[in-house]
Amino acid sequence: VSVEPLLVRIGHSPDPDDAFMFFGLTSGAIETPGRVYEHSLVDIDTLNREALKSTYEVSAVSIRSFPDISEEYALMNCGASMGEGYGPMVISNKPMTEQEAREKTIAIPGFSTSAFLTLRLALGEVSVVEVPFDEILPGVIFGKYDVGVIIHEGQLTWKDDGVHLVLDLGVWWNQTTGLPLPLGGNVVRKDLGKIVCREITRDVRASIRHALDNPEKALQF
């Protein structure tokens, strides 16, 4: 008797580190007997919100949001995003101090993100506006926002875009605590059962290992 494979929907962001991590699963290089994976590319704030509704069997989420979903999801022991002197950055469209930035309305990639929590820890109570993460850097460049918190590839390209660094939150956290900054992690839905959760986690770990063993192909992907 044939058994239908389990459909496992994975929600993850389109940023390069998630693409690298899930390369093995997306490309079909990893054998996953009994499980078929379907990938949805979604921004991190939306992923956090969808996790509150248990939308995906597996999801990348902000560490900030995990306490809100810990009844429904288990945190995987692979694929976490940890910044060692690296993390979200507060940028502005003209040179300004941290105190001057505190007095502005700051564009953030979502209240549910680790970037927002780290901003609050660093600068305290500030006025913010939620903006899709990929609109923050252009918004600061063209003057729509005076200050913004950038994540993903914006952290790598901002120097070429004529904006100014107010505070590197990854460096601030490392200097303040001496610890890596926990940014994101992968979660798996508990209602699948412990055995299936372990199997899915092994698949994700194998996908990461495949990318690390084949970096040129994974980076090209």
N, C-alpha and C. Protein backbone atom coordinates (compact mmCIF):
# COMPACT_ATOMS: atom_id res chain seq x y z
N VAL A 1 0.85 -1.18 0.00
CA VAL A 1 0.00 0.00 0.00
C VAL A 1 0.89 1.24 0.00
N SER A 2 0.69 2.10 -0.98
CA SER A 2 1.49 3.32 -1.04
C SER A 2 0.96 4.34 -0.05
N VAL A 3 1.87 5.07 0.53
CA VAL A 3 1.52 6.10 1.51
C VAL A 3 1.91 7.45 0.94
N GLU A 4 0.97 8.38 1.00
CA GLU A 4 1.26 9.72 0.51
C GLU A 4 2.36 10.35 1.36
N PRO A 5 3.37 10.95 0.71
CA PRO A 5 4.42 11.61 1.50
C PRO A 5 3.85 12.81 2.24
N LEU A 6 4.47 13.13 3.35
CA LEU A 6 4.05 14.27 4.15
C LEU A 6 4.50 15.56 3.47
N LEU A 7 3.57 16.47 3.24
CA LEU A 7 3.91 17.77 2.69
C LEU A 7 4.37 18.68 3.84
N VAL A 8 5.60 19.15 3.73
CA VAL A 8 6.17 20.05 4.74
C VAL A 8 6.37 21.41 4.10
N ARG A 9 5.59 22.38 4.55
CA ARG A 9 5.72 23.74 4.01
C ARG A 9 6.73 24.51 4.86
N ILE A 10 7.74 25.05 4.17
CA ILE A 10 8.78 25.82 4.84
C ILE A 10 8.62 27.29 4.47
N GLY A 11 8.50 28.13 5.46
CA GLY A 11 8.50 29.57 5.22
C GLY A 11 9.85 30.14 5.60
N HIS A 12 10.50 30.80 4.66
CA HIS A 12 11.77 31.45 4.99
C HIS A 12 11.94 32.70 4.15
N SER A 13 12.84 33.55 4.57
CA SER A 13 13.01 34.83 3.89
C SER A 13 13.86 34.65 2.63
N PRO A 14 13.79 35.60 1.70
CA PRO A 14 14.56 35.49 0.46
C PRO A 14 16.00 35.96 0.59
N ASP A 15 16.45 36.27 1.81
CA ASP A 15 17.80 36.80 1.96
C ASP A 15 18.83 35.70 1.74
N PRO A 16 20.08 36.07 1.45
CA PRO A 16 21.09 35.08 1.02
C PRO A 16 21.37 33.96 2.01
N ASP A 17 21.35 34.25 3.33
CA ASP A 17 21.71 33.18 4.26
C ASP A 17 20.64 32.10 4.32
N ASP A 18 19.36 32.48 4.19
CA ASP A 18 18.31 31.46 4.14
C ASP A 18 18.40 30.66 2.84
N ALA A 19 18.66 31.35 1.73
CA ALA A 19 18.80 30.65 0.45
C ALA A 19 19.95 29.64 0.52
N PHE A 20 21.05 30.05 1.15
CA PHE A 20 22.21 29.16 1.32
C PHE A 20 21.83 27.95 2.16
N MET A 21 21.14 28.21 3.26
CA MET A 21 20.80 27.16 4.22
C MET A 21 19.88 26.10 3.61
N PHE A 22 18.91 26.54 2.82
CA PHE A 22 17.92 25.62 2.28
C PHE A 22 18.25 25.16 0.85
N PHE A 23 19.47 25.46 0.38
CA PHE A 23 19.88 25.08 -0.97
C PHE A 23 19.73 23.58 -1.21
N GLY A 24 20.17 22.77 -0.25
CA GLY A 24 20.11 21.32 -0.42
C GLY A 24 18.70 20.81 -0.59
N LEU A 25 17.76 21.36 0.17
CA LEU A 25 16.36 20.94 0.07
C LEU A 25 15.72 21.48 -1.20
N THR A 26 15.98 22.74 -1.52
CA THR A 26 15.36 23.36 -2.69
C THR A 26 15.82 22.69 -3.98
N SER A 27 17.10 22.33 -4.03
CA SER A 27 17.67 21.76 -5.26
C SER A 27 17.39 20.27 -5.40
N GLY A 28 16.85 19.66 -4.35
CA GLY A 28 16.57 18.23 -4.40
C GLY A 28 17.80 17.37 -4.14
N ALA A 29 18.88 17.99 -3.67
CA ALA A 29 20.12 17.24 -3.44
C ALA A 29 20.04 16.35 -2.20
N ILE A 30 19.10 16.65 -1.31
CA ILE A 30 18.95 15.89 -0.07
C ILE A 30 17.79 14.91 -0.21
N GLU A 31 18.04 13.65 0.09
CA GLU A 31 16.96 12.67 0.06
C GLU A 31 16.13 12.80 1.33
N THR A 32 14.82 12.89 1.14
CA THR A 32 13.91 13.06 2.28
C THR A 32 12.76 12.06 2.16
N PRO A 33 13.05 10.79 2.37
CA PRO A 33 12.02 9.76 2.20
C PRO A 33 10.80 10.00 3.09
N GLY A 34 9.63 10.02 2.46
CA GLY A 34 8.40 10.20 3.20
C GLY A 34 8.01 11.65 3.41
N ARG A 35 8.86 12.58 2.91
CA ARG A 35 8.57 14.00 3.11
C ARG A 35 8.84 14.77 1.82
N VAL A 36 7.92 15.64 1.47
CA VAL A 36 8.07 16.53 0.32
C VAL A 36 8.04 17.97 0.84
N TYR A 37 9.01 18.77 0.40
CA TYR A 37 9.12 20.13 0.91
C TYR A 37 8.64 21.15 -0.10
N GLU A 38 7.87 22.11 0.40
CA GLU A 38 7.37 23.22 -0.41
C GLU A 38 7.84 24.51 0.24
N HIS A 39 8.52 25.35 -0.54
CA HIS A 39 9.14 26.55 0.01
C HIS A 39 8.31 27.79 -0.31
N SER A 40 8.14 28.66 0.68
CA SER A 40 7.50 29.95 0.49
C SER A 40 8.48 31.03 0.94
N LEU A 41 8.75 31.99 0.04
CA LEU A 41 9.69 33.07 0.36
C LEU A 41 8.89 34.28 0.84
N VAL A 42 9.10 34.63 2.11
CA VAL A 42 8.31 35.67 2.76
C VAL A 42 9.23 36.51 3.64
N ASP A 43 8.94 37.80 3.78
CA ASP A 43 9.77 38.64 4.65
C ASP A 43 9.61 38.21 6.10
N ILE A 44 10.62 38.54 6.91
CA ILE A 44 10.70 37.98 8.26
C ILE A 44 9.56 38.44 9.16
N ASP A 45 9.11 39.68 9.02
CA ASP A 45 8.01 40.13 9.88
C ASP A 45 6.74 39.36 9.57
N THR A 46 6.49 39.09 8.29
CA THR A 46 5.32 38.29 7.91
C THR A 46 5.46 36.86 8.42
N LEU A 47 6.67 36.30 8.34
CA LEU A 47 6.89 34.95 8.88
C LEU A 47 6.57 34.89 10.37
N ASN A 48 6.99 35.91 11.10
CA ASN A 48 6.68 35.94 12.53
C ASN A 48 5.17 35.97 12.77
N ARG A 49 4.46 36.75 11.97
CA ARG A 49 3.01 36.85 12.12
C ARG A 49 2.32 35.53 11.73
N GLU A 50 2.81 34.92 10.66
CA GLU A 50 2.22 33.65 10.22
C GLU A 50 2.47 32.54 11.25
N ALA A 51 3.61 32.61 11.93
CA ALA A 51 3.90 31.60 12.96
C ALA A 51 2.89 31.68 14.10
N LEU A 52 2.37 32.87 14.37
CA LEU A 52 1.34 33.00 15.40
C LEU A 52 0.08 32.23 15.02
N LYS A 53 -0.10 32.00 13.71
CA LYS A 53 -1.26 31.25 13.21
C LYS A 53 -0.89 29.80 12.86
N SER A 54 0.36 29.41 13.14
CA SER A 54 0.85 28.05 12.84
C SER A 54 0.70 27.71 11.36
N THR A 55 0.95 28.67 10.49
CA THR A 55 0.73 28.48 9.06
C THR A 55 1.65 27.43 8.46
N TYR A 56 2.94 27.49 8.78
CA TYR A 56 3.92 26.59 8.16
C TYR A 56 4.34 25.50 9.14
N GLU A 57 4.62 24.32 8.57
CA GLU A 57 5.17 23.25 9.41
C GLU A 57 6.57 23.63 9.92
N VAL A 58 7.32 24.31 9.07
CA VAL A 58 8.67 24.77 9.41
C VAL A 58 8.77 26.23 9.01
N SER A 59 9.43 27.02 9.85
CA SER A 59 9.56 28.44 9.51
C SER A 59 10.83 29.02 10.11
N ALA A 60 11.41 29.95 9.37
CA ALA A 60 12.42 30.83 9.95
C ALA A 60 11.66 31.92 10.70
N VAL A 61 12.12 32.26 11.88
CA VAL A 61 11.48 33.31 12.68
C VAL A 61 12.55 34.14 13.38
N SER A 62 12.15 35.32 13.83
CA SER A 62 13.01 36.12 14.68
C SER A 62 13.06 35.50 16.07
N ILE A 63 14.24 35.50 16.68
CA ILE A 63 14.34 35.01 18.06
C ILE A 63 13.43 35.83 18.97
N ARG A 64 13.29 37.11 18.67
CA ARG A 64 12.38 37.96 19.44
C ARG A 64 10.97 37.38 19.51
N SER A 65 10.52 36.73 18.45
CA SER A 65 9.14 36.26 18.38
C SER A 65 8.95 34.87 18.96
N PHE A 66 10.05 34.15 19.24
CA PHE A 66 9.90 32.76 19.65
C PHE A 66 9.09 32.56 20.93
N PRO A 67 9.27 33.39 21.97
CA PRO A 67 8.44 33.18 23.17
C PRO A 67 6.94 33.20 22.88
N ASP A 68 6.53 33.95 21.85
CA ASP A 68 5.11 34.06 21.52
C ASP A 68 4.56 32.80 20.85
N ILE A 69 5.45 31.96 20.31
CA ILE A 69 5.00 30.78 19.56
C ILE A 69 5.52 29.48 20.15
N SER A 70 6.14 29.55 21.32
CA SER A 70 6.82 28.38 21.87
C SER A 70 5.87 27.26 22.29
N GLU A 71 4.57 27.57 22.44
CA GLU A 71 3.61 26.51 22.74
C GLU A 71 3.36 25.63 21.52
N GLU A 72 3.43 26.24 20.33
CA GLU A 72 3.10 25.52 19.09
C GLU A 72 4.35 25.02 18.36
N TYR A 73 5.47 25.68 18.55
CA TYR A 73 6.68 25.35 17.79
C TYR A 73 7.84 25.02 18.71
N ALA A 74 8.72 24.14 18.20
CA ALA A 74 9.99 23.85 18.88
C ALA A 74 11.11 24.50 18.08
N LEU A 75 12.11 25.00 18.78
CA LEU A 75 13.26 25.64 18.13
C LEU A 75 14.25 24.57 17.70
N MET A 76 14.60 24.56 16.42
CA MET A 76 15.57 23.59 15.92
C MET A 76 16.97 23.90 16.46
N ASN A 77 17.80 22.87 16.51
CA ASN A 77 19.17 23.05 16.98
C ASN A 77 20.14 23.25 15.82
N CYS A 78 19.63 23.73 14.69
CA CYS A 78 20.48 24.02 13.54
C CYS A 78 19.89 25.20 12.77
N GLY A 79 20.77 25.94 12.12
CA GLY A 79 20.32 27.01 11.23
C GLY A 79 20.03 28.33 11.89
N ALA A 80 20.47 28.53 13.13
CA ALA A 80 20.23 29.81 13.79
C ALA A 80 21.12 30.89 13.18
N SER A 81 20.63 32.11 13.23
CA SER A 81 21.41 33.27 12.78
C SER A 81 21.91 34.00 14.02
N MET A 82 23.23 33.98 14.21
CA MET A 82 23.86 34.61 15.38
C MET A 82 24.90 35.60 14.89
N GLY A 83 24.81 36.83 15.36
CA GLY A 83 25.75 37.86 14.91
C GLY A 83 26.89 38.03 15.89
N GLU A 84 28.11 37.78 15.45
CA GLU A 84 29.29 38.01 16.29
C GLU A 84 29.90 39.35 15.87
N GLY A 85 29.49 40.41 16.54
CA GLY A 85 29.91 41.74 16.14
C GLY A 85 29.26 42.17 14.84
N TYR A 86 28.13 41.55 14.54
CA TYR A 86 27.42 41.80 13.28
C TYR A 86 25.93 41.76 13.57
N GLY A 87 25.19 42.68 12.97
CA GLY A 87 23.75 42.68 13.22
C GLY A 87 23.08 43.84 12.51
N PRO A 88 21.83 44.11 12.85
CA PRO A 88 21.11 45.23 12.24
C PRO A 88 21.86 46.54 12.46
N MET A 89 21.65 47.47 11.54
CA MET A 89 22.36 48.75 11.61
C MET A 89 21.37 49.91 11.56
N VAL A 90 21.63 50.90 12.40
CA VAL A 90 20.84 52.14 12.38
C VAL A 90 21.56 53.11 11.46
N ILE A 91 20.88 53.52 10.38
CA ILE A 91 21.49 54.42 9.41
C ILE A 91 20.63 55.67 9.25
N SER A 92 21.25 56.73 8.72
CA SER A 92 20.54 58.00 8.56
C SER A 92 20.91 58.63 7.22
N ASN A 93 20.11 59.61 6.80
CA ASN A 93 20.38 60.25 5.51
C ASN A 93 21.33 61.43 5.62
N LYS A 94 21.76 61.73 6.84
CA LYS A 94 22.81 62.73 7.06
C LYS A 94 23.51 62.39 8.37
N PRO A 95 24.73 62.85 8.57
CA PRO A 95 25.44 62.51 9.81
C PRO A 95 24.65 62.96 11.03
N MET A 96 24.53 62.07 12.02
CA MET A 96 23.86 62.45 13.26
C MET A 96 24.32 61.55 14.39
N THR A 97 24.17 62.05 15.60
CA THR A 97 24.54 61.29 16.79
C THR A 97 23.41 60.34 17.18
N GLU A 98 23.71 59.44 18.11
CA GLU A 98 22.66 58.55 18.61
C GLU A 98 21.54 59.35 19.26
N GLN A 99 21.90 60.40 20.00
CA GLN A 99 20.88 61.22 20.65
C GLN A 99 19.99 61.90 19.61
N GLU A 100 20.57 62.39 18.54
CA GLU A 100 19.77 63.01 17.48
C GLU A 100 18.85 61.99 16.83
N ALA A 101 19.35 60.76 16.66
CA ALA A 101 18.53 59.70 16.07
C ALA A 101 17.35 59.36 16.97
N ARG A 102 17.56 59.41 18.28
CA ARG A 102 16.48 59.12 19.23
C ARG A 102 15.30 60.07 19.06
N GLU A 103 15.57 61.26 18.57
CA GLU A 103 14.54 62.28 18.44
C GLU A 103 13.80 62.20 17.10
N LYS A 104 14.21 61.28 16.24
CA LYS A 104 13.57 61.09 14.94
C LYS A 104 12.60 59.91 15.00
N THR A 105 11.73 59.83 14.00
CA THR A 105 10.93 58.62 13.82
C THR A 105 11.76 57.64 13.00
N ILE A 106 11.97 56.44 13.54
CA ILE A 106 12.88 55.47 12.94
C ILE A 106 12.09 54.39 12.21
N ALA A 107 12.45 54.14 10.96
CA ALA A 107 11.82 53.08 10.18
C ALA A 107 12.39 51.73 10.63
N ILE A 108 11.50 50.80 10.98
CA ILE A 108 11.93 49.47 11.45
C ILE A 108 11.28 48.39 10.59
N PRO A 109 11.90 47.20 10.52
CA PRO A 109 11.34 46.13 9.68
C PRO A 109 10.25 45.31 10.35
N GLY A 110 9.68 45.81 11.45
CA GLY A 110 8.58 45.11 12.11
C GLY A 110 8.76 45.05 13.61
N PHE A 111 7.65 45.17 14.34
CA PHE A 111 7.70 45.11 15.80
C PHE A 111 8.10 43.72 16.30
N SER A 112 7.87 42.70 15.48
CA SER A 112 8.14 41.33 15.91
C SER A 112 9.58 40.91 15.68
N THR A 113 10.40 41.80 15.12
CA THR A 113 11.75 41.41 14.73
C THR A 113 12.77 41.60 15.84
N SER A 114 13.83 40.82 15.77
CA SER A 114 14.94 40.98 16.71
C SER A 114 15.61 42.34 16.51
N ALA A 115 15.55 42.86 15.29
CA ALA A 115 16.14 44.18 15.01
C ALA A 115 15.46 45.26 15.86
N PHE A 116 14.14 45.21 15.95
CA PHE A 116 13.42 46.21 16.75
C PHE A 116 13.73 46.06 18.24
N LEU A 117 13.75 44.81 18.72
CA LEU A 117 14.06 44.60 20.13
C LEU A 117 15.45 45.12 20.47
N THR A 118 16.43 44.85 19.60
CA THR A 118 17.79 45.31 19.86
C THR A 118 17.87 46.83 19.81
N LEU A 119 17.13 47.44 18.89
CA LEU A 119 17.06 48.91 18.83
C LEU A 119 16.56 49.47 20.15
N ARG A 120 15.48 48.87 20.68
CA ARG A 120 14.91 49.35 21.95
C ARG A 120 15.90 49.18 23.10
N LEU A 121 16.62 48.07 23.11
CA LEU A 121 17.60 47.85 24.16
C LEU A 121 18.72 48.88 24.09
N ALA A 122 19.09 49.26 22.86
CA ALA A 122 20.21 50.18 22.68
C ALA A 122 19.81 51.64 22.89
N LEU A 123 18.67 52.04 22.34
CA LEU A 123 18.29 53.46 22.35
C LEU A 123 17.12 53.78 23.26
N GLY A 124 16.48 52.77 23.83
CA GLY A 124 15.36 53.02 24.72
C GLY A 124 14.08 53.31 23.94
N GLU A 125 13.16 54.03 24.58
CA GLU A 125 11.88 54.38 23.95
C GLU A 125 12.12 55.35 22.80
N VAL A 126 11.75 54.95 21.61
CA VAL A 126 11.89 55.81 20.44
C VAL A 126 10.63 55.72 19.60
N SER A 127 10.41 56.74 18.79
CA SER A 127 9.28 56.74 17.87
C SER A 127 9.67 55.93 16.64
N VAL A 128 8.80 55.00 16.23
CA VAL A 128 9.12 54.13 15.10
C VAL A 128 7.93 54.02 14.15
N VAL A 129 8.23 53.59 12.94
CA VAL A 129 7.20 53.28 11.95
C VAL A 129 7.60 51.97 11.28
N GLU A 130 6.63 51.04 11.14
CA GLU A 130 6.90 49.76 10.49
C GLU A 130 6.95 49.95 8.97
N VAL A 131 8.00 49.40 8.36
CA VAL A 131 8.21 49.52 6.92
C VAL A 131 8.74 48.17 6.42
N PRO A 132 8.28 47.66 5.27
CA PRO A 132 8.89 46.45 4.72
C PRO A 132 10.41 46.60 4.65
N PHE A 133 11.12 45.54 5.04
CA PHE A 133 12.57 45.65 5.22
C PHE A 133 13.28 46.16 3.97
N ASP A 134 12.79 45.78 2.78
CA ASP A 134 13.49 46.17 1.56
C ASP A 134 13.15 47.59 1.09
N GLU A 135 12.28 48.27 1.84
CA GLU A 135 11.95 49.66 1.51
C GLU A 135 12.64 50.66 2.45
N ILE A 136 13.31 50.14 3.48
CA ILE A 136 13.90 51.05 4.47
C ILE A 136 15.12 51.77 3.91
N LEU A 137 16.06 51.03 3.34
CA LEU A 137 17.27 51.67 2.81
C LEU A 137 16.95 52.66 1.70
N PRO A 138 16.14 52.29 0.69
CA PRO A 138 15.77 53.29 -0.32
C PRO A 138 15.03 54.49 0.29
N GLY A 139 14.20 54.23 1.30
CA GLY A 139 13.46 55.31 1.94
C GLY A 139 14.37 56.31 2.63
N VAL A 140 15.45 55.81 3.24
CA VAL A 140 16.42 56.71 3.88
C VAL A 140 17.23 57.44 2.81
N ILE A 141 17.64 56.72 1.77
CA ILE A 141 18.43 57.33 0.70
C ILE A 141 17.70 58.52 0.09
N PHE A 142 16.41 58.36 -0.17
CA PHE A 142 15.64 59.40 -0.87
C PHE A 142 14.90 60.34 0.08
N GLY A 143 15.19 60.23 1.39
CA GLY A 143 14.69 61.21 2.34
C GLY A 143 13.29 60.99 2.85
N LYS A 144 12.68 59.85 2.54
CA LYS A 144 11.35 59.57 3.08
C LYS A 144 11.42 59.35 4.58
N TYR A 145 12.52 58.73 5.02
CA TYR A 145 12.76 58.50 6.45
C TYR A 145 14.12 59.10 6.80
N ASP A 146 14.20 59.75 7.95
CA ASP A 146 15.48 60.31 8.40
C ASP A 146 16.42 59.22 8.89
N VAL A 147 15.83 58.21 9.56
CA VAL A 147 16.62 57.15 10.19
C VAL A 147 15.92 55.82 9.94
N GLY A 148 16.69 54.76 9.75
CA GLY A 148 16.11 53.44 9.56
C GLY A 148 17.00 52.35 10.13
N VAL A 149 16.39 51.21 10.41
CA VAL A 149 17.14 50.02 10.85
C VAL A 149 17.16 49.04 9.68
N ILE A 150 18.35 48.73 9.19
CA ILE A 150 18.47 47.86 8.02
C ILE A 150 18.93 46.47 8.43
N ILE A 151 18.41 45.47 7.70
CA ILE A 151 18.77 44.07 7.92
C ILE A 151 19.07 43.44 6.56
N HIS A 152 19.48 42.18 6.57
CA HIS A 152 19.75 41.41 5.35
C HIS A 152 20.83 42.10 4.50
N GLU A 153 20.64 42.11 3.18
CA GLU A 153 21.71 42.57 2.30
C GLU A 153 22.01 44.05 2.45
N GLY A 154 21.06 44.82 3.00
CA GLY A 154 21.32 46.24 3.23
C GLY A 154 22.51 46.48 4.15
N GLN A 155 22.76 45.52 5.05
CA GLN A 155 23.90 45.63 5.95
C GLN A 155 25.22 45.56 5.20
N LEU A 156 25.20 44.98 4.00
CA LEU A 156 26.42 44.82 3.22
C LEU A 156 26.61 45.93 2.20
N THR A 157 25.51 46.61 1.80
CA THR A 157 25.59 47.55 0.68
C THR A 157 25.48 49.01 1.09
N TRP A 158 25.16 49.30 2.35
CA TRP A 158 24.82 50.68 2.74
C TRP A 158 25.95 51.66 2.48
N LYS A 159 27.20 51.21 2.59
CA LYS A 159 28.34 52.12 2.40
C LYS A 159 28.37 52.69 0.98
N ASP A 160 27.85 51.94 0.03
CA ASP A 160 27.86 52.38 -1.37
C ASP A 160 26.67 53.26 -1.71
N ASP A 161 25.77 53.47 -0.75
CA ASP A 161 24.51 54.15 -1.05
C ASP A 161 24.42 55.57 -0.50
N GLY A 162 25.51 56.08 0.05
CA GLY A 162 25.53 57.47 0.49
C GLY A 162 24.80 57.75 1.79
N VAL A 163 24.53 56.71 2.59
CA VAL A 163 23.90 56.93 3.89
C VAL A 163 24.96 56.88 4.98
N HIS A 164 24.56 57.18 6.20
CA HIS A 164 25.51 57.31 7.30
C HIS A 164 25.16 56.35 8.43
N LEU A 165 26.17 55.74 9.00
CA LEU A 165 25.97 54.81 10.11
C LEU A 165 25.82 55.58 11.42
N VAL A 166 24.71 55.35 12.09
CA VAL A 166 24.50 55.92 13.42
C VAL A 166 24.97 54.95 14.49
N LEU A 167 24.55 53.68 14.36
CA LEU A 167 24.91 52.67 15.35
C LEU A 167 24.81 51.28 14.74
N ASP A 168 25.89 50.52 14.85
CA ASP A 168 25.88 49.12 14.46
C ASP A 168 25.41 48.33 15.68
N LEU A 169 24.19 47.81 15.62
CA LEU A 169 23.61 47.15 16.79
C LEU A 169 24.31 45.84 17.13
N GLY A 170 24.89 45.19 16.12
CA GLY A 170 25.65 43.97 16.39
C GLY A 170 26.92 44.26 17.18
N VAL A 171 27.62 45.32 16.79
CA VAL A 171 28.82 45.73 17.52
C VAL A 171 28.45 46.20 18.92
N TRP A 172 27.37 47.00 19.01
CA TRP A 172 26.92 47.48 20.33
C TRP A 172 26.62 46.32 21.27
N TRP A 173 25.89 45.32 20.78
CA TRP A 173 25.53 44.18 21.61
C TRP A 173 26.78 43.42 22.06
N ASN A 174 27.71 43.21 21.13
CA ASN A 174 28.93 42.46 21.46
C ASN A 174 29.77 43.21 22.49
N GLN A 175 29.87 44.52 22.34
CA GLN A 175 30.65 45.31 23.29
C GLN A 175 29.96 45.38 24.65
N THR A 176 28.63 45.35 24.64
CA THR A 176 27.87 45.46 25.88
C THR A 176 27.83 44.15 26.65
N THR A 177 27.68 43.04 25.93
CA THR A 177 27.47 41.75 26.59
C THR A 177 28.62 40.77 26.42
N GLY A 178 29.43 40.96 25.38
CA GLY A 178 30.47 40.00 25.07
C GLY A 178 29.95 38.73 24.42
N LEU A 179 28.67 38.74 24.03
CA LEU A 179 28.01 37.55 23.50
C LEU A 179 27.56 37.76 22.05
N PRO A 180 27.36 36.68 21.30
CA PRO A 180 26.76 36.81 19.97
C PRO A 180 25.32 37.32 20.10
N LEU A 181 24.87 38.03 19.09
CA LEU A 181 23.50 38.57 19.07
C LEU A 181 22.57 37.55 18.42
N PRO A 182 21.62 36.98 19.17
CA PRO A 182 20.68 36.02 18.57
C PRO A 182 19.65 36.75 17.72
N LEU A 183 19.62 36.44 16.44
CA LEU A 183 18.75 37.15 15.50
C LEU A 183 17.59 36.29 15.01
N GLY A 184 17.90 35.11 14.50
CA GLY A 184 16.84 34.27 13.94
C GLY A 184 17.09 32.80 14.20
N GLY A 185 16.04 32.01 14.01
CA GLY A 185 16.16 30.57 14.18
C GLY A 185 15.11 29.86 13.34
N ASN A 186 15.24 28.56 13.24
CA ASN A 186 14.26 27.73 12.54
C ASN A 186 13.39 27.01 13.56
N VAL A 187 12.10 26.96 13.30
CA VAL A 187 11.18 26.28 14.21
C VAL A 187 10.38 25.23 13.44
N VAL A 188 9.94 24.20 14.16
CA VAL A 188 9.14 23.13 13.58
C VAL A 188 7.91 22.94 14.45
N ARG A 189 6.78 22.70 13.82
CA ARG A 189 5.51 22.65 14.55
C ARG A 189 5.40 21.37 15.37
N LYS A 190 5.09 21.52 16.65
CA LYS A 190 5.08 20.40 17.58
C LYS A 190 3.99 19.37 17.29
N ASP A 191 2.89 19.80 16.65
CA ASP A 191 1.79 18.86 16.43
C ASP A 191 2.14 17.77 15.42
N LEU A 192 3.30 17.86 14.77
CA LEU A 192 3.75 16.81 13.87
C LEU A 192 4.23 15.58 14.64
N GLY A 193 4.50 15.77 15.91
CA GLY A 193 5.01 14.67 16.74
C GLY A 193 6.53 14.70 16.82
N LYS A 194 7.07 14.16 17.90
CA LYS A 194 8.51 14.25 18.14
C LYS A 194 9.33 13.54 17.07
N ILE A 195 8.87 12.38 16.61
CA ILE A 195 9.65 11.63 15.63
C ILE A 195 9.76 12.40 14.32
N VAL A 196 8.64 12.92 13.83
CA VAL A 196 8.65 13.68 12.58
C VAL A 196 9.45 14.97 12.74
N CYS A 197 9.32 15.62 13.89
CA CYS A 197 10.09 16.85 14.14
C CYS A 197 11.59 16.57 14.06
N ARG A 198 12.00 15.44 14.61
CA ARG A 198 13.43 15.08 14.55
C ARG A 198 13.86 14.79 13.11
N GLU A 199 13.00 14.10 12.35
CA GLU A 199 13.34 13.79 10.96
C GLU A 199 13.47 15.06 10.13
N ILE A 200 12.54 16.00 10.32
CA ILE A 200 12.59 17.26 9.59
C ILE A 200 13.84 18.05 9.97
N THR A 201 14.16 18.05 11.26
CA THR A 201 15.35 18.76 11.71
C THR A 201 16.60 18.15 11.10
N ARG A 202 16.64 16.82 10.98
CA ARG A 202 17.78 16.16 10.33
C ARG A 202 17.87 16.57 8.86
N ASP A 203 16.71 16.71 8.20
CA ASP A 203 16.72 17.15 6.80
C ASP A 203 17.31 18.55 6.66
N VAL A 204 16.89 19.45 7.55
CA VAL A 204 17.40 20.82 7.49
C VAL A 204 18.90 20.84 7.79
N ARG A 205 19.32 20.06 8.78
CA ARG A 205 20.75 19.99 9.09
C ARG A 205 21.53 19.45 7.89
N ALA A 206 20.98 18.43 7.21
CA ALA A 206 21.65 17.87 6.03
C ALA A 206 21.72 18.90 4.91
N SER A 207 20.68 19.73 4.79
CA SER A 207 20.68 20.78 3.77
C SER A 207 21.78 21.80 4.04
N ILE A 208 21.93 22.17 5.30
CA ILE A 208 22.99 23.12 5.67
C ILE A 208 24.36 22.50 5.41
N ARG A 209 24.53 21.24 5.79
CA ARG A 209 25.80 20.56 5.56
C ARG A 209 26.12 20.47 4.07
N HIS A 210 25.10 20.20 3.26
CA HIS A 210 25.31 20.13 1.81
C HIS A 210 25.79 21.48 1.28
N ALA A 211 25.20 22.58 1.76
CA ALA A 211 25.63 23.91 1.31
C ALA A 211 27.06 24.19 1.74
N LEU A 212 27.41 23.82 2.96
CA LEU A 212 28.77 24.05 3.45
C LEU A 212 29.79 23.21 2.68
N ASP A 213 29.37 22.01 2.26
CA ASP A 213 30.26 21.14 1.50
C ASP A 213 30.35 21.53 0.03
N ASN A 214 29.38 22.31 -0.45
CA ASN A 214 29.34 22.73 -1.85
C ASN A 214 29.11 24.25 -1.92
N PRO A 215 30.03 25.03 -1.35
CA PRO A 215 29.78 26.47 -1.20
C PRO A 215 29.64 27.21 -2.52
N GLU A 216 30.39 26.81 -3.55
CA GLU A 216 30.30 27.54 -4.82
C GLU A 216 28.90 27.41 -5.43
N LYS A 217 28.37 26.19 -5.45
CA LYS A 217 27.04 25.97 -5.99
C LYS A 217 25.98 26.67 -5.14
N ALA A 218 26.15 26.57 -3.82
CA ALA A 218 25.17 27.18 -2.92
C ALA A 218 25.17 28.69 -3.04
N LEU A 219 26.36 29.29 -3.14
CA LEU A 219 26.44 30.75 -3.26
C LEU A 219 25.91 31.22 -4.61
N GLN A 220 26.15 30.43 -5.65
CA GLN A 220 25.62 30.78 -6.96
C GLN A 220 24.09 30.72 -6.94
N PHE A 221 23.56 29.72 -6.23
CA PHE A 221 22.11 29.58 -6.09
C PHE A 221 21.51 30.78 -5.38
